[in-house]
Amino acid sequence: MTDESTGTSKIIVDEDWKSQAQREKEQLAASLHEHEEEERVHDPRLPPATLAVLATTLATQAAFALGHFPHPTTGESNVNLDEAHHFIETLAMLEQKTEGNRTPEESALLDNLLHELRIAFVSARPGKREAAGV
């Protein structure tokens, strides 16, 4: 709108326009926040949160405790049977608690991981080699 007496433009701001601008600002901020959350959840450097990833993570920890992998700093393989037992039992609990809610592939994975870890655990126990005559 132009003020005819001075020849300058006048800007008229009504409350509806202010309210609309504020709503759009809030929507944009919420959208940016959601996008940041999605990026944090979908970090490509991390595997997806699945039962298979959880099971293999626990199995890896058990295998590490059984001395199957060298320590990244020292290069030595140490056996900690109590720790290995804990991770194997945690996997067994996970298998029991998810019964009826797994895919056939997830069930097979848990069954195979537990089977292999239990054999490795028994083989790693002290006295096992002497009893076998090795």
N, C-alpha and C. Protein backbone atom coordinates (compact mmCIF):
# COMPACT_ATOMS: atom_id res chain seq x y z
N MET A 1 0.84 -1.16 0.00
CA MET A 1 0.00 0.00 0.00
C MET A 1 0.90 1.23 0.00
N THR A 2 0.51 2.27 -0.71
CA THR A 2 1.32 3.49 -0.82
C THR A 2 0.63 4.62 -0.10
N ASP A 3 1.44 5.34 0.70
CA ASP A 3 0.93 6.53 1.38
C ASP A 3 1.01 7.66 0.36
N GLU A 4 -0.14 8.17 -0.09
CA GLU A 4 -0.17 9.15 -1.16
C GLU A 4 0.38 10.49 -0.72
N SER A 5 0.32 10.81 0.55
CA SER A 5 0.82 12.11 1.00
C SER A 5 2.34 12.16 0.97
N THR A 6 3.01 11.03 1.24
CA THR A 6 4.48 11.01 1.26
C THR A 6 5.06 10.28 0.06
N GLY A 7 4.26 9.48 -0.61
CA GLY A 7 4.74 8.72 -1.76
C GLY A 7 5.54 7.49 -1.40
N THR A 8 5.52 7.09 -0.12
CA THR A 8 6.26 5.91 0.32
C THR A 8 5.32 4.74 0.47
N SER A 9 5.91 3.57 0.41
CA SER A 9 5.12 2.35 0.58
C SER A 9 4.93 2.08 2.05
N LYS A 10 3.76 1.63 2.39
CA LYS A 10 3.45 1.22 3.75
C LYS A 10 3.21 -0.28 3.76
N ILE A 11 3.77 -0.95 4.73
CA ILE A 11 3.55 -2.38 4.86
C ILE A 11 2.56 -2.58 6.00
N ILE A 12 1.50 -3.26 5.68
CA ILE A 12 0.50 -3.55 6.70
C ILE A 12 0.64 -5.02 7.06
N VAL A 13 0.90 -5.27 8.33
CA VAL A 13 1.08 -6.62 8.81
C VAL A 13 -0.11 -6.94 9.70
N ASP A 14 -0.86 -7.93 9.30
CA ASP A 14 -1.98 -8.33 10.15
C ASP A 14 -1.58 -9.54 11.00
N GLU A 15 -2.34 -9.81 12.00
CA GLU A 15 -2.04 -10.88 12.95
C GLU A 15 -2.11 -12.26 12.30
N ASP A 16 -2.97 -12.45 11.32
CA ASP A 16 -3.06 -13.74 10.64
C ASP A 16 -1.76 -14.08 9.94
N TRP A 17 -1.14 -13.10 9.30
CA TRP A 17 0.12 -13.32 8.62
C TRP A 17 1.22 -13.69 9.60
N LYS A 18 1.24 -13.01 10.75
CA LYS A 18 2.24 -13.31 11.78
C LYS A 18 2.05 -14.73 12.30
N SER A 19 0.81 -15.10 12.55
CA SER A 19 0.53 -16.45 13.05
C SER A 19 0.94 -17.51 12.04
N GLN A 20 0.63 -17.26 10.76
CA GLN A 20 1.00 -18.21 9.70
C GLN A 20 2.52 -18.34 9.61
N ALA A 21 3.22 -17.23 9.67
CA ALA A 21 4.69 -17.27 9.60
C ALA A 21 5.27 -18.04 10.79
N GLN A 22 4.71 -17.85 11.97
CA GLN A 22 5.19 -18.56 13.15
C GLN A 22 4.94 -20.06 13.02
N ARG A 23 3.76 -20.45 12.53
CA ARG A 23 3.45 -21.88 12.33
C ARG A 23 4.43 -22.51 11.34
N GLU A 24 4.70 -21.80 10.24
CA GLU A 24 5.63 -22.33 9.24
C GLU A 24 7.04 -22.47 9.82
N LYS A 25 7.44 -21.52 10.64
CA LYS A 25 8.75 -21.58 11.29
C LYS A 25 8.83 -22.80 12.21
N GLU A 26 7.78 -23.04 12.98
CA GLU A 26 7.75 -24.19 13.89
C GLU A 26 7.73 -25.51 13.13
N GLN A 27 6.98 -25.55 12.02
CA GLN A 27 6.94 -26.77 11.20
C GLN A 27 8.31 -27.07 10.59
N LEU A 28 8.98 -26.02 10.14
CA LEU A 28 10.31 -26.20 9.57
C LEU A 28 11.29 -26.71 10.62
N ALA A 29 11.22 -26.15 11.82
CA ALA A 29 12.11 -26.59 12.90
C ALA A 29 11.83 -28.05 13.25
N ALA A 30 10.56 -28.43 13.32
CA ALA A 30 10.20 -29.82 13.63
C ALA A 30 10.68 -30.76 12.53
N SER A 31 10.54 -30.34 11.29
CA SER A 31 10.99 -31.15 10.16
C SER A 31 12.50 -31.35 10.20
N LEU A 32 13.23 -30.29 10.50
CA LEU A 32 14.69 -30.40 10.60
C LEU A 32 15.09 -31.33 11.74
N HIS A 33 14.38 -31.25 12.86
CA HIS A 33 14.66 -32.12 14.01
C HIS A 33 14.41 -33.57 13.64
N GLU A 34 13.31 -33.87 12.95
CA GLU A 34 13.00 -35.23 12.53
C GLU A 34 14.09 -35.76 11.59
N HIS A 35 14.54 -34.91 10.67
CA HIS A 35 15.58 -35.32 9.73
C HIS A 35 16.88 -35.65 10.46
N GLU A 36 17.23 -34.84 11.46
CA GLU A 36 18.42 -35.12 12.26
C GLU A 36 18.29 -36.44 12.99
N GLU A 37 17.10 -36.73 13.54
CA GLU A 37 16.85 -37.99 14.23
C GLU A 37 16.99 -39.16 13.26
N GLU A 38 16.43 -39.03 12.05
CA GLU A 38 16.53 -40.10 11.06
C GLU A 38 17.98 -40.37 10.69
N GLU A 39 18.78 -39.32 10.52
CA GLU A 39 20.18 -39.51 10.19
C GLU A 39 20.91 -40.23 11.31
N ARG A 40 20.57 -39.90 12.56
CA ARG A 40 21.22 -40.56 13.68
C ARG A 40 20.84 -42.04 13.72
N VAL A 41 19.59 -42.35 13.45
CA VAL A 41 19.11 -43.73 13.49
C VAL A 41 19.65 -44.52 12.30
N HIS A 42 19.79 -43.91 11.15
CA HIS A 42 20.19 -44.61 9.94
C HIS A 42 21.65 -44.32 9.57
N ASP A 43 22.50 -44.29 10.56
CA ASP A 43 23.92 -44.06 10.32
C ASP A 43 24.46 -45.23 9.51
N PRO A 44 24.98 -44.96 8.31
CA PRO A 44 25.43 -46.07 7.44
C PRO A 44 26.62 -46.84 7.99
N ARG A 45 27.28 -46.30 9.01
CA ARG A 45 28.42 -47.01 9.58
C ARG A 45 27.98 -48.08 10.58
N LEU A 46 26.71 -48.07 10.94
CA LEU A 46 26.18 -49.02 11.91
C LEU A 46 25.25 -50.01 11.23
N PRO A 47 25.29 -51.27 11.66
CA PRO A 47 24.36 -52.24 11.07
C PRO A 47 22.94 -51.97 11.55
N PRO A 48 21.95 -52.48 10.85
CA PRO A 48 20.57 -52.28 11.30
C PRO A 48 20.33 -53.02 12.62
N ALA A 49 19.39 -52.54 13.38
CA ALA A 49 19.05 -53.17 14.66
C ALA A 49 18.11 -54.35 14.38
N THR A 50 18.71 -55.54 14.27
CA THR A 50 17.93 -56.74 14.00
C THR A 50 18.31 -57.83 15.00
N LEU A 51 17.49 -58.84 15.08
CA LEU A 51 17.79 -59.97 15.95
C LEU A 51 19.08 -60.65 15.50
N ALA A 52 19.28 -60.76 14.21
CA ALA A 52 20.50 -61.41 13.69
C ALA A 52 21.75 -60.63 14.09
N VAL A 53 21.70 -59.32 14.02
CA VAL A 53 22.86 -58.51 14.41
C VAL A 53 23.12 -58.65 15.91
N LEU A 54 22.06 -58.63 16.71
CA LEU A 54 22.22 -58.80 18.16
C LEU A 54 22.82 -60.17 18.47
N ALA A 55 22.29 -61.20 17.85
CA ALA A 55 22.78 -62.56 18.12
C ALA A 55 24.24 -62.71 17.71
N THR A 56 24.61 -62.21 16.54
CA THR A 56 26.00 -62.35 16.11
C THR A 56 26.94 -61.49 16.95
N THR A 57 26.46 -60.37 17.45
CA THR A 57 27.28 -59.54 18.34
C THR A 57 27.57 -60.30 19.63
N LEU A 58 26.55 -60.90 20.21
CA LEU A 58 26.75 -61.68 21.44
C LEU A 58 27.64 -62.90 21.17
N ALA A 59 27.45 -63.54 20.03
CA ALA A 59 28.27 -64.71 19.69
C ALA A 59 29.73 -64.30 19.49
N THR A 60 29.95 -63.16 18.90
CA THR A 60 31.33 -62.66 18.72
C THR A 60 31.99 -62.41 20.06
N GLN A 61 31.25 -61.84 21.00
CA GLN A 61 31.78 -61.61 22.34
C GLN A 61 32.12 -62.93 23.02
N ALA A 62 31.26 -63.92 22.84
CA ALA A 62 31.54 -65.25 23.43
C ALA A 62 32.79 -65.86 22.80
N ALA A 63 32.89 -65.75 21.48
CA ALA A 63 34.06 -66.31 20.78
C ALA A 63 35.34 -65.59 21.21
N PHE A 64 35.25 -64.30 21.41
CA PHE A 64 36.41 -63.54 21.90
C PHE A 64 36.82 -64.04 23.28
N ALA A 65 35.82 -64.26 24.15
CA ALA A 65 36.10 -64.74 25.51
C ALA A 65 36.64 -66.17 25.48
N LEU A 66 36.35 -66.91 24.44
CA LEU A 66 36.88 -68.27 24.31
C LEU A 66 38.28 -68.28 23.69
N GLY A 67 38.81 -67.10 23.39
CA GLY A 67 40.16 -66.99 22.84
C GLY A 67 40.25 -67.19 21.35
N HIS A 68 39.14 -67.10 20.64
CA HIS A 68 39.15 -67.31 19.20
C HIS A 68 39.70 -66.13 18.42
N PHE A 69 39.75 -64.96 19.05
CA PHE A 69 40.27 -63.75 18.41
C PHE A 69 41.32 -63.13 19.30
N PRO A 70 42.39 -62.62 18.72
CA PRO A 70 43.40 -61.94 19.55
C PRO A 70 42.89 -60.56 19.99
N HIS A 71 43.37 -60.14 21.14
CA HIS A 71 43.03 -58.81 21.64
C HIS A 71 43.60 -57.78 20.66
N PRO A 72 42.83 -56.76 20.28
CA PRO A 72 43.33 -55.81 19.28
C PRO A 72 44.56 -55.02 19.71
N THR A 73 44.73 -54.82 21.01
CA THR A 73 45.88 -54.05 21.49
C THR A 73 47.10 -54.93 21.74
N THR A 74 46.90 -56.03 22.43
CA THR A 74 48.04 -56.88 22.82
C THR A 74 48.37 -57.95 21.79
N GLY A 75 47.40 -58.33 20.99
CA GLY A 75 47.61 -59.40 20.02
C GLY A 75 47.52 -60.78 20.64
N GLU A 76 47.25 -60.84 21.94
CA GLU A 76 47.16 -62.13 22.63
C GLU A 76 45.72 -62.61 22.69
N SER A 77 45.56 -63.91 22.66
CA SER A 77 44.23 -64.51 22.84
C SER A 77 44.13 -65.01 24.27
N ASN A 78 43.15 -64.52 24.97
CA ASN A 78 42.93 -64.94 26.36
C ASN A 78 41.60 -65.64 26.48
N VAL A 79 41.56 -66.66 27.31
CA VAL A 79 40.32 -67.40 27.55
C VAL A 79 39.75 -66.96 28.89
N ASN A 80 38.47 -66.58 28.85
CA ASN A 80 37.74 -66.22 30.06
C ASN A 80 36.43 -67.01 30.02
N LEU A 81 36.45 -68.19 30.64
CA LEU A 81 35.29 -69.08 30.55
C LEU A 81 34.05 -68.51 31.20
N ASP A 82 34.22 -67.77 32.29
CA ASP A 82 33.04 -67.17 32.94
C ASP A 82 32.36 -66.17 32.00
N GLU A 83 33.16 -65.36 31.34
CA GLU A 83 32.60 -64.39 30.40
C GLU A 83 31.96 -65.10 29.21
N ALA A 84 32.63 -66.10 28.68
CA ALA A 84 32.08 -66.86 27.56
C ALA A 84 30.76 -67.50 27.95
N HIS A 85 30.72 -68.09 29.14
CA HIS A 85 29.48 -68.71 29.63
C HIS A 85 28.35 -67.70 29.72
N HIS A 86 28.68 -66.51 30.19
CA HIS A 86 27.67 -65.44 30.30
C HIS A 86 27.06 -65.12 28.94
N PHE A 87 27.91 -64.94 27.92
CA PHE A 87 27.39 -64.60 26.59
C PHE A 87 26.61 -65.75 25.97
N ILE A 88 27.05 -66.97 26.20
CA ILE A 88 26.32 -68.14 25.68
C ILE A 88 24.96 -68.24 26.35
N GLU A 89 24.92 -68.04 27.66
CA GLU A 89 23.64 -68.08 28.38
C GLU A 89 22.73 -66.92 27.97
N THR A 90 23.31 -65.78 27.67
CA THR A 90 22.51 -64.64 27.20
C THR A 90 21.87 -64.97 25.85
N LEU A 91 22.64 -65.61 24.96
CA LEU A 91 22.08 -66.05 23.68
C LEU A 91 20.97 -67.08 23.88
N ALA A 92 21.17 -68.00 24.80
CA ALA A 92 20.16 -69.02 25.08
C ALA A 92 18.88 -68.38 25.63
N MET A 93 19.04 -67.37 26.49
CA MET A 93 17.88 -66.64 27.02
C MET A 93 17.16 -65.92 25.88
N LEU A 94 17.92 -65.30 24.99
CA LEU A 94 17.33 -64.60 23.86
C LEU A 94 16.55 -65.57 22.97
N GLU A 95 17.11 -66.75 22.77
CA GLU A 95 16.42 -67.77 21.98
C GLU A 95 15.11 -68.16 22.66
N GLN A 96 15.16 -68.37 23.96
CA GLN A 96 13.95 -68.77 24.70
C GLN A 96 12.89 -67.66 24.70
N LYS A 97 13.30 -66.43 24.93
CA LYS A 97 12.35 -65.32 25.05
C LYS A 97 11.73 -64.92 23.71
N THR A 98 12.40 -65.24 22.60
CA THR A 98 11.86 -64.87 21.29
C THR A 98 11.17 -66.04 20.60
N GLU A 99 11.05 -67.16 21.29
CA GLU A 99 10.39 -68.35 20.71
C GLU A 99 9.00 -67.97 20.20
N GLY A 100 8.71 -68.36 18.96
CA GLY A 100 7.42 -68.07 18.36
C GLY A 100 7.36 -66.70 17.68
N ASN A 101 8.40 -65.92 17.81
CA ASN A 101 8.42 -64.58 17.21
C ASN A 101 9.57 -64.39 16.23
N ARG A 102 10.22 -65.48 15.84
CA ARG A 102 11.37 -65.41 14.94
C ARG A 102 11.02 -65.94 13.56
N THR A 103 11.78 -65.49 12.59
CA THR A 103 11.68 -66.08 11.26
C THR A 103 12.44 -67.41 11.29
N PRO A 104 12.21 -68.28 10.33
CA PRO A 104 12.98 -69.52 10.28
C PRO A 104 14.49 -69.27 10.18
N GLU A 105 14.87 -68.23 9.46
CA GLU A 105 16.30 -67.90 9.33
C GLU A 105 16.88 -67.48 10.67
N GLU A 106 16.14 -66.67 11.43
CA GLU A 106 16.61 -66.23 12.74
C GLU A 106 16.73 -67.41 13.70
N SER A 107 15.76 -68.32 13.63
CA SER A 107 15.81 -69.52 14.48
C SER A 107 17.02 -70.38 14.15
N ALA A 108 17.27 -70.57 12.86
CA ALA A 108 18.42 -71.38 12.43
C ALA A 108 19.72 -70.71 12.86
N LEU A 109 19.80 -69.39 12.74
CA LEU A 109 21.01 -68.67 13.15
C LEU A 109 21.28 -68.86 14.63
N LEU A 110 20.26 -68.66 15.47
CA LEU A 110 20.44 -68.83 16.91
C LEU A 110 20.83 -70.26 17.25
N ASP A 111 20.17 -71.22 16.63
CA ASP A 111 20.46 -72.62 16.89
C ASP A 111 21.91 -72.95 16.52
N ASN A 112 22.35 -72.50 15.35
CA ASN A 112 23.73 -72.77 14.91
C ASN A 112 24.76 -72.07 15.79
N LEU A 113 24.51 -70.80 16.12
CA LEU A 113 25.46 -70.08 16.97
C LEU A 113 25.61 -70.76 18.33
N LEU A 114 24.48 -71.12 18.93
CA LEU A 114 24.54 -71.77 20.24
C LEU A 114 25.24 -73.12 20.16
N HIS A 115 24.96 -73.88 19.12
CA HIS A 115 25.60 -75.20 18.96
C HIS A 115 27.12 -75.05 18.88
N GLU A 116 27.58 -74.18 17.99
CA GLU A 116 29.02 -73.98 17.80
C GLU A 116 29.69 -73.44 19.06
N LEU A 117 29.04 -72.49 19.73
CA LEU A 117 29.64 -71.91 20.94
C LEU A 117 29.69 -72.91 22.09
N ARG A 118 28.67 -73.73 22.20
CA ARG A 118 28.68 -74.72 23.28
C ARG A 118 29.78 -75.76 23.06
N ILE A 119 29.98 -76.17 21.82
CA ILE A 119 31.07 -77.11 21.51
C ILE A 119 32.41 -76.46 21.83
N ALA A 120 32.58 -75.22 21.43
CA ALA A 120 33.84 -74.50 21.69
C ALA A 120 34.05 -74.32 23.19
N PHE A 121 32.99 -74.07 23.92
CA PHE A 121 33.10 -73.87 25.37
C PHE A 121 33.57 -75.16 26.04
N VAL A 122 32.94 -76.27 25.69
CA VAL A 122 33.32 -77.57 26.28
C VAL A 122 34.76 -77.90 25.93
N SER A 123 35.16 -77.60 24.70
CA SER A 123 36.54 -77.88 24.27
C SER A 123 37.56 -77.01 24.99
N ALA A 124 37.15 -75.84 25.42
CA ALA A 124 38.08 -74.90 26.06
C ALA A 124 38.22 -75.13 27.56
N ARG A 125 37.35 -75.96 28.14
CA ARG A 125 37.41 -76.18 29.60
C ARG A 125 38.70 -76.88 30.00
N PRO A 126 39.27 -76.48 31.14
CA PRO A 126 40.49 -77.15 31.62
C PRO A 126 40.21 -78.62 31.89
N GLY A 127 41.19 -79.44 31.61
CA GLY A 127 41.05 -80.87 31.85
C GLY A 127 40.46 -81.61 30.67
N LYS A 128 39.87 -80.89 29.73
CA LYS A 128 39.25 -81.53 28.56
C LYS A 128 40.33 -82.22 27.72
N ARG A 129 41.44 -81.55 27.51
CA ARG A 129 42.52 -82.13 26.70
C ARG A 129 43.13 -83.34 27.38
N GLU A 130 43.31 -83.25 28.71
CA GLU A 130 43.91 -84.38 29.44
C GLU A 130 42.97 -85.60 29.41
N ALA A 131 41.67 -85.34 29.54
CA ALA A 131 40.70 -86.44 29.54
C ALA A 131 40.65 -87.13 28.18
N ALA A 132 40.92 -86.37 27.14
CA ALA A 132 40.89 -86.94 25.79
C ALA A 132 42.22 -87.61 25.44
N GLY A 133 43.22 -87.50 26.34
CA GLY A 133 44.51 -88.14 26.09
C GLY A 133 45.39 -87.35 25.13
N VAL A 134 45.15 -86.06 25.01
CA VAL A 134 45.93 -85.23 24.09
C VAL A 134 47.12 -84.65 24.78
